[in-house]
Amino acid sequence: MAKNHDGKMGASEALETESSELRVYELGFHLDPELPTEEVKKAYQTIRDSLSEKGTVVAESEPLKIPLAYTISRQEVAGRRDFDSAYFSWIVYETSAENHADVVKMAGAEKRIVRFIDLITTKDAARHSVEIRELSMKAPESTEDPEAVLGAELDVALESSTI
């Protein structure tokens, strides 16, 4: 790193150092829910490959179809489309600021992506997300109806209470 005659770094040198410094980012994205399963896999792999070319993939989650919390509307050539569900996935990657800009452009240009977010994170947070996801996948789903359980508990409480 070059320093000027008084030992301080110039502005352009600071920018060069910042752009070559590696950071960890997370790209979270929704894929079009009307895509066939094979096309979802291809879209995910295309995005992952693009990220791999620009940096190192740290952690990832395969696309999973989920209901959206709210309807996303998007204007397309054929007209407006509303999305109530989507295939959600995320990929954590490490890259330079310059390559990060290319990743954001790629995600914005990918027509199969309904919406995406890209943010700075850490490797530890990414690993923790993977652990949590693995635990939630292993946990057995409750087959009991929560209202029936509450009703039974209420019946027991009423029978045992004395007025």
C-alpha atoms as a PDB file:
ATOM      1  CA  MET A   1       0.000   0.000   0.000  1.00  0.00           C
ATOM      2  CA  ALA A   2       1.541   3.296  -1.115  1.00  0.00           C
ATOM      3  CA  LYS A   3       1.667   6.202   1.290  1.00  0.00           C
ATOM      4  CA  ASN A   4       2.341   9.814   0.431  1.00  0.00           C
ATOM      5  CA  HIS A   5       5.374  11.693   1.781  1.00  0.00           C
ATOM      6  CA  ASP A   6       3.835  12.381   5.205  1.00  0.00           C
ATOM      7  CA  GLY A   7       3.002   8.684   5.781  1.00  0.00           C
ATOM      8  CA  LYS A   8      -0.761   9.001   5.184  1.00  0.00           C
ATOM      9  CA  MET A   9      -2.749   7.138   2.558  1.00  0.00           C
ATOM     10  CA  GLY A  10      -4.318   9.173  -0.254  1.00  0.00           C
ATOM     11  CA  ALA A  11      -8.049   8.998  -1.063  1.00  0.00           C
ATOM     12  CA  SER A  12      -7.563   7.001  -4.290  1.00  0.00           C
ATOM     13  CA  GLU A  13      -5.290   4.530  -2.496  1.00  0.00           C
ATOM     14  CA  ALA A  14      -7.870   4.080   0.264  1.00  0.00           C
ATOM     15  CA  LEU A  15     -10.529   3.325  -2.360  1.00  0.00           C
ATOM     16  CA  GLU A  16      -8.274   0.754  -4.027  1.00  0.00           C
ATOM     17  CA  THR A  17      -7.684  -0.964  -0.692  1.00  0.00           C
ATOM     18  CA  GLU A  18     -11.410  -0.957   0.122  1.00  0.00           C
ATOM     19  CA  SER A  19     -12.403  -2.378  -3.287  1.00  0.00           C
ATOM     20  CA  SER A  20      -9.858  -5.206  -3.045  1.00  0.00           C
ATOM     21  CA  GLU A  21     -10.810  -6.094   0.547  1.00  0.00           C
ATOM     22  CA  LEU A  22     -12.956  -9.212   0.767  1.00  0.00           C
ATOM     23  CA  ARG A  23     -16.339  -9.018   2.476  1.00  0.00           C
ATOM     24  CA  VAL A  24     -19.062 -11.539   3.145  1.00  0.00           C
ATOM     25  CA  TYR A  25     -22.481 -10.900   1.566  1.00  0.00           C
ATOM     26  CA  GLU A  26     -25.800 -12.714   1.570  1.00  0.00           C
ATOM     27  CA  LEU A  27     -27.997 -12.763  -1.513  1.00  0.00           C
ATOM     28  CA  GLY A  28     -31.563 -13.738  -0.626  1.00  0.00           C
ATOM     29  CA  PHE A  29     -33.965 -14.121  -3.533  1.00  0.00           C
ATOM     30  CA  HIS A  30     -37.454 -15.225  -4.559  1.00  0.00           C
ATOM     31  CA  LEU A  31     -37.793 -17.184  -7.789  1.00  0.00           C
ATOM     32  CA  ASP A  32     -40.964 -17.199  -9.906  1.00  0.00           C
ATOM     33  CA  PRO A  33     -43.396 -19.729  -8.361  1.00  0.00           C
ATOM     34  CA  GLU A  34     -44.769 -20.722 -11.777  1.00  0.00           C
ATOM     35  CA  LEU A  35     -41.433 -22.130 -12.927  1.00  0.00           C
ATOM     36  CA  PRO A  36     -41.298 -25.923 -13.334  1.00  0.00           C
ATOM     37  CA  THR A  37     -39.157 -27.699 -10.724  1.00  0.00           C
ATOM     38  CA  GLU A  38     -36.362 -28.361 -13.209  1.00  0.00           C
ATOM     39  CA  GLU A  39     -36.286 -24.693 -14.239  1.00  0.00           C
ATOM     40  CA  VAL A  40     -36.080 -23.636 -10.566  1.00  0.00           C
ATOM     41  CA  LYS A  41     -33.042 -25.898 -10.133  1.00  0.00           C
ATOM     42  CA  LYS A  42     -31.448 -24.469 -13.300  1.00  0.00           C
ATOM     43  CA  ALA A  43     -32.101 -20.874 -12.202  1.00  0.00           C
ATOM     44  CA  TYR A  44     -30.630 -21.551  -8.758  1.00  0.00           C
ATOM     45  CA  GLN A  45     -27.564 -23.239 -10.276  1.00  0.00           C
ATOM     46  CA  THR A  46     -27.060 -20.345 -12.726  1.00  0.00           C
ATOM     47  CA  ILE A  47     -27.146 -17.828  -9.873  1.00  0.00           C
ATOM     48  CA  ARG A  48     -24.837 -19.977  -7.741  1.00  0.00           C
ATOM     49  CA  ASP A  49     -22.364 -20.393 -10.617  1.00  0.00           C
ATOM     50  CA  SER A  50     -22.339 -16.625 -11.202  1.00  0.00           C
ATOM     51  CA  LEU A  51     -21.546 -16.069  -7.526  1.00  0.00           C
ATOM     52  CA  SER A  52     -18.817 -18.716  -7.624  1.00  0.00           C
ATOM     53  CA  GLU A  53     -17.166 -16.904 -10.545  1.00  0.00           C
ATOM     54  CA  LYS A  54     -17.097 -13.643  -8.577  1.00  0.00           C
ATOM     55  CA  GLY A  55     -16.088 -15.042  -5.190  1.00  0.00           C
ATOM     56  CA  THR A  56     -16.311 -17.965  -2.783  1.00  0.00           C
ATOM     57  CA  VAL A  57     -19.621 -19.510  -1.722  1.00  0.00           C
ATOM     58  CA  VAL A  58     -19.674 -19.792   2.089  1.00  0.00           C
ATOM     59  CA  ALA A  59     -23.159 -21.217   2.746  1.00  0.00           C
ATOM     60  CA  GLU A  60     -26.383 -21.750   0.839  1.00  0.00           C
ATOM     61  CA  SER A  61     -29.945 -22.962   0.994  1.00  0.00           C
ATOM     62  CA  GLU A  62     -31.735 -24.807  -1.804  1.00  0.00           C
ATOM     63  CA  PRO A  63     -34.915 -23.142  -3.138  1.00  0.00           C
ATOM     64  CA  LEU A  64     -38.038 -23.940  -1.165  1.00  0.00           C
ATOM     65  CA  LYS A  65     -41.553 -22.878  -2.196  1.00  0.00           C
ATOM     66  CA  ILE A  66     -43.116 -20.693   0.482  1.00  0.00           C
ATOM     67  CA  PRO A  67     -46.214 -18.519   0.823  1.00  0.00           C
ATOM     68  CA  LEU A  68     -45.319 -14.827   0.888  1.00  0.00           C
ATOM     69  CA  ALA A  69     -46.319 -12.605   3.803  1.00  0.00           C
ATOM     70  CA  TYR A  70     -47.795 -10.129   1.323  1.00  0.00           C
ATOM     71  CA  THR A  71     -48.499 -10.002  -2.402  1.00  0.00           C
ATOM     72  CA  ILE A  72     -45.648  -8.781  -4.578  1.00  0.00           C
ATOM     73  CA  SER A  73     -46.756  -7.041  -7.784  1.00  0.00           C
ATOM     74  CA  ARG A  74     -44.438  -6.637 -10.730  1.00  0.00           C
ATOM     75  CA  GLN A  75     -45.030  -4.892 -14.040  1.00  0.00           C
ATOM     76  CA  GLU A  76     -43.910  -7.044 -16.951  1.00  0.00           C
ATOM     77  CA  VAL A  77     -44.164  -6.687 -20.727  1.00  0.00           C
ATOM     78  CA  ALA A  78     -47.379  -8.723 -20.812  1.00  0.00           C
ATOM     79  CA  GLY A  79     -48.898  -6.758 -17.920  1.00  0.00           C
ATOM     80  CA  ARG A  80     -48.918  -6.785 -14.149  1.00  0.00           C
ATOM     81  CA  ARG A  81     -48.220 -10.047 -12.292  1.00  0.00           C
ATOM     82  CA  ASP A  82     -49.039 -10.701  -8.649  1.00  0.00           C
ATOM     83  CA  PHE A  83     -47.085 -13.212  -6.582  1.00  0.00           C
ATOM     84  CA  ASP A  84     -48.496 -14.784  -3.396  1.00  0.00           C
ATOM     85  CA  SER A  85     -45.832 -17.500  -3.198  1.00  0.00           C
ATOM     86  CA  ALA A  86     -42.281 -17.968  -4.457  1.00  0.00           C
ATOM     87  CA  TYR A  87     -39.273 -20.258  -4.295  1.00  0.00           C
ATOM     88  CA  PHE A  88     -37.023 -18.718  -1.634  1.00  0.00           C
ATOM     89  CA  SER A  89     -33.291 -19.306  -1.450  1.00  0.00           C
ATOM     90  CA  TRP A  90     -30.174 -17.599  -0.146  1.00  0.00           C
ATOM     91  CA  ILE A  91     -26.465 -17.838  -0.831  1.00  0.00           C
ATOM     92  CA  VAL A  92     -23.709 -16.380   1.336  1.00  0.00           C
ATOM     93  CA  TYR A  93     -20.546 -15.520  -0.558  1.00  0.00           C
ATOM     94  CA  GLU A  94     -17.248 -13.728  -0.019  1.00  0.00           C
ATOM     95  CA  THR A  95     -16.005 -11.286  -2.645  1.00  0.00           C
ATOM     96  CA  SER A  96     -14.526  -7.833  -3.271  1.00  0.00           C
ATOM     97  CA  ALA A  97     -16.656  -4.680  -3.489  1.00  0.00           C
ATOM     98  CA  GLU A  98     -16.031  -4.506  -7.251  1.00  0.00           C
ATOM     99  CA  ASN A  99     -17.273  -8.066  -7.820  1.00  0.00           C
ATOM    100  CA  HIS A 100     -20.170  -7.428  -5.430  1.00  0.00           C
ATOM    101  CA  ALA A 101     -21.444  -4.686  -7.749  1.00  0.00           C
ATOM    102  CA  ASP A 102     -21.399  -7.212 -10.619  1.00  0.00           C
ATOM    103  CA  VAL A 103     -23.400  -9.696  -8.515  1.00  0.00           C
ATOM    104  CA  VAL A 104     -26.088  -7.091  -7.765  1.00  0.00           C
ATOM    105  CA  LYS A 105     -26.335  -6.235 -11.484  1.00  0.00           C
ATOM    106  CA  MET A 106     -26.634  -9.930 -12.356  1.00  0.00           C
ATOM    107  CA  ALA A 107     -29.430 -10.463  -9.807  1.00  0.00           C
ATOM    108  CA  GLY A 108     -31.289  -7.409 -11.094  1.00  0.00           C
ATOM    109  CA  ALA A 109     -31.064  -8.649 -14.684  1.00  0.00           C
ATOM    110  CA  GLU A 110     -32.196 -12.221 -13.905  1.00  0.00           C
ATOM    111  CA  LYS A 111     -35.833 -12.370 -15.076  1.00  0.00           C
ATOM    112  CA  ARG A 112     -36.628 -15.494 -13.045  1.00  0.00           C
ATOM    113  CA  ILE A 113     -35.934 -13.598  -9.802  1.00  0.00           C
ATOM    114  CA  VAL A 114     -39.099 -11.916  -8.503  1.00  0.00           C
ATOM    115  CA  ARG A 115     -37.327  -9.968  -5.755  1.00  0.00           C
ATOM    116  CA  PHE A 116     -33.912 -10.079  -4.062  1.00  0.00           C
ATOM    117  CA  ILE A 117     -31.966  -8.547  -1.212  1.00  0.00           C
ATOM    118  CA  ASP A 118     -28.201  -8.409  -0.895  1.00  0.00           C
ATOM    119  CA  LEU A 119     -26.569  -7.443   2.377  1.00  0.00           C
ATOM    120  CA  ILE A 120     -23.325  -7.615   4.310  1.00  0.00           C
ATOM    121  CA  THR A 121     -23.069 -10.458   6.821  1.00  0.00           C
ATOM    122  CA  THR A 122     -20.418 -12.622   8.504  1.00  0.00           C
ATOM    123  CA  LYS A 123     -19.262 -16.188   8.018  1.00  0.00           C
ATOM    124  CA  ASP A 124     -20.334 -17.014  11.585  1.00  0.00           C
ATOM    125  CA  ALA A 125     -23.882 -15.747  10.971  1.00  0.00           C
ATOM    126  CA  ALA A 126     -24.054 -17.809   7.766  1.00  0.00           C
ATOM    127  CA  ARG A 127     -22.894 -20.969   9.526  1.00  0.00           C
ATOM    128  CA  HIS A 128     -25.425 -20.351  12.300  1.00  0.00           C
ATOM    129  CA  SER A 129     -28.223 -20.032   9.716  1.00  0.00           C
ATOM    130  CA  VAL A 130     -27.213 -23.366   8.211  1.00  0.00           C
ATOM    131  CA  GLU A 131     -27.239 -25.019  11.654  1.00  0.00           C
ATOM    132  CA  ILE A 132     -30.682 -23.601  12.477  1.00  0.00           C
ATOM    133  CA  ARG A 133     -32.071 -24.766   9.130  1.00  0.00           C
ATOM    134  CA  GLU A 134     -30.675 -28.274   9.636  1.00  0.00           C
ATOM    135  CA  LEU A 135     -32.201 -28.445  13.118  1.00  0.00           C
ATOM    136  CA  SER A 136     -35.587 -27.282  11.870  1.00  0.00           C
ATOM    137  CA  MET A 137     -35.528 -29.879   9.086  1.00  0.00           C
ATOM    138  CA  LYS A 138     -34.776 -32.667  11.620  1.00  0.00           C
ATOM    139  CA  ALA A 139     -37.439 -31.575  14.115  1.00  0.00           C
ATOM    140  CA  PRO A 140     -40.616 -33.622  13.778  1.00  0.00           C
ATOM    141  CA  GLU A 141     -43.646 -31.641  12.725  1.00  0.00           C
ATOM    142  CA  SER A 142     -46.464 -31.567  15.229  1.00  0.00           C
ATOM    143  CA  THR A 143     -49.479 -33.416  13.867  1.00  0.00           C
ATOM    144  CA  GLU A 144     -51.711 -32.362  16.737  1.00  0.00           C
ATOM    145  CA  ASP A 145     -54.252 -29.627  16.196  1.00  0.00           C
ATOM    146  CA  PRO A 146     -53.236 -26.771  18.549  1.00  0.00           C
ATOM    147  CA  GLU A 147     -56.872 -25.745  19.089  1.00  0.00           C
ATOM    148  CA  ALA A 148     -57.826 -29.306  20.069  1.00  0.00           C
ATOM    149  CA  VAL A 149     -54.932 -29.454  22.555  1.00  0.00           C
ATOM    150  CA  LEU A 150     -55.956 -26.122  24.084  1.00  0.00           C
ATOM    151  CA  GLY A 151     -59.581 -27.264  24.240  1.00  0.00           C
ATOM    152  CA  ALA A 152     -58.617 -30.482  26.030  1.00  0.00           C
ATOM    153  CA  GLU A 153     -56.420 -28.558  28.494  1.00  0.00           C
ATOM    154  CA  LEU A 154     -59.270 -26.134  29.153  1.00  0.00           C
ATOM    155  CA  ASP A 155     -61.697 -29.026  29.767  1.00  0.00           C
ATOM    156  CA  VAL A 156     -59.293 -30.578  32.272  1.00  0.00           C
ATOM    157  CA  ALA A 157     -58.798 -27.233  34.038  1.00  0.00           C
ATOM    158  CA  LEU A 158     -62.558 -26.642  34.253  1.00  0.00           C
ATOM    159  CA  GLU A 159     -63.225 -30.125  35.623  1.00  0.00           C
ATOM    160  CA  SER A 160     -60.530 -29.823  38.288  1.00  0.00           C
ATOM    161  CA  SER A 161     -61.536 -26.369  39.459  1.00  0.00           C
ATOM    162  CA  THR A 162     -64.028 -26.025  42.272  1.00  0.00           C
ATOM    163  CA  ILE A 163     -66.283 -23.023  42.419  1.00  0.00           C
END
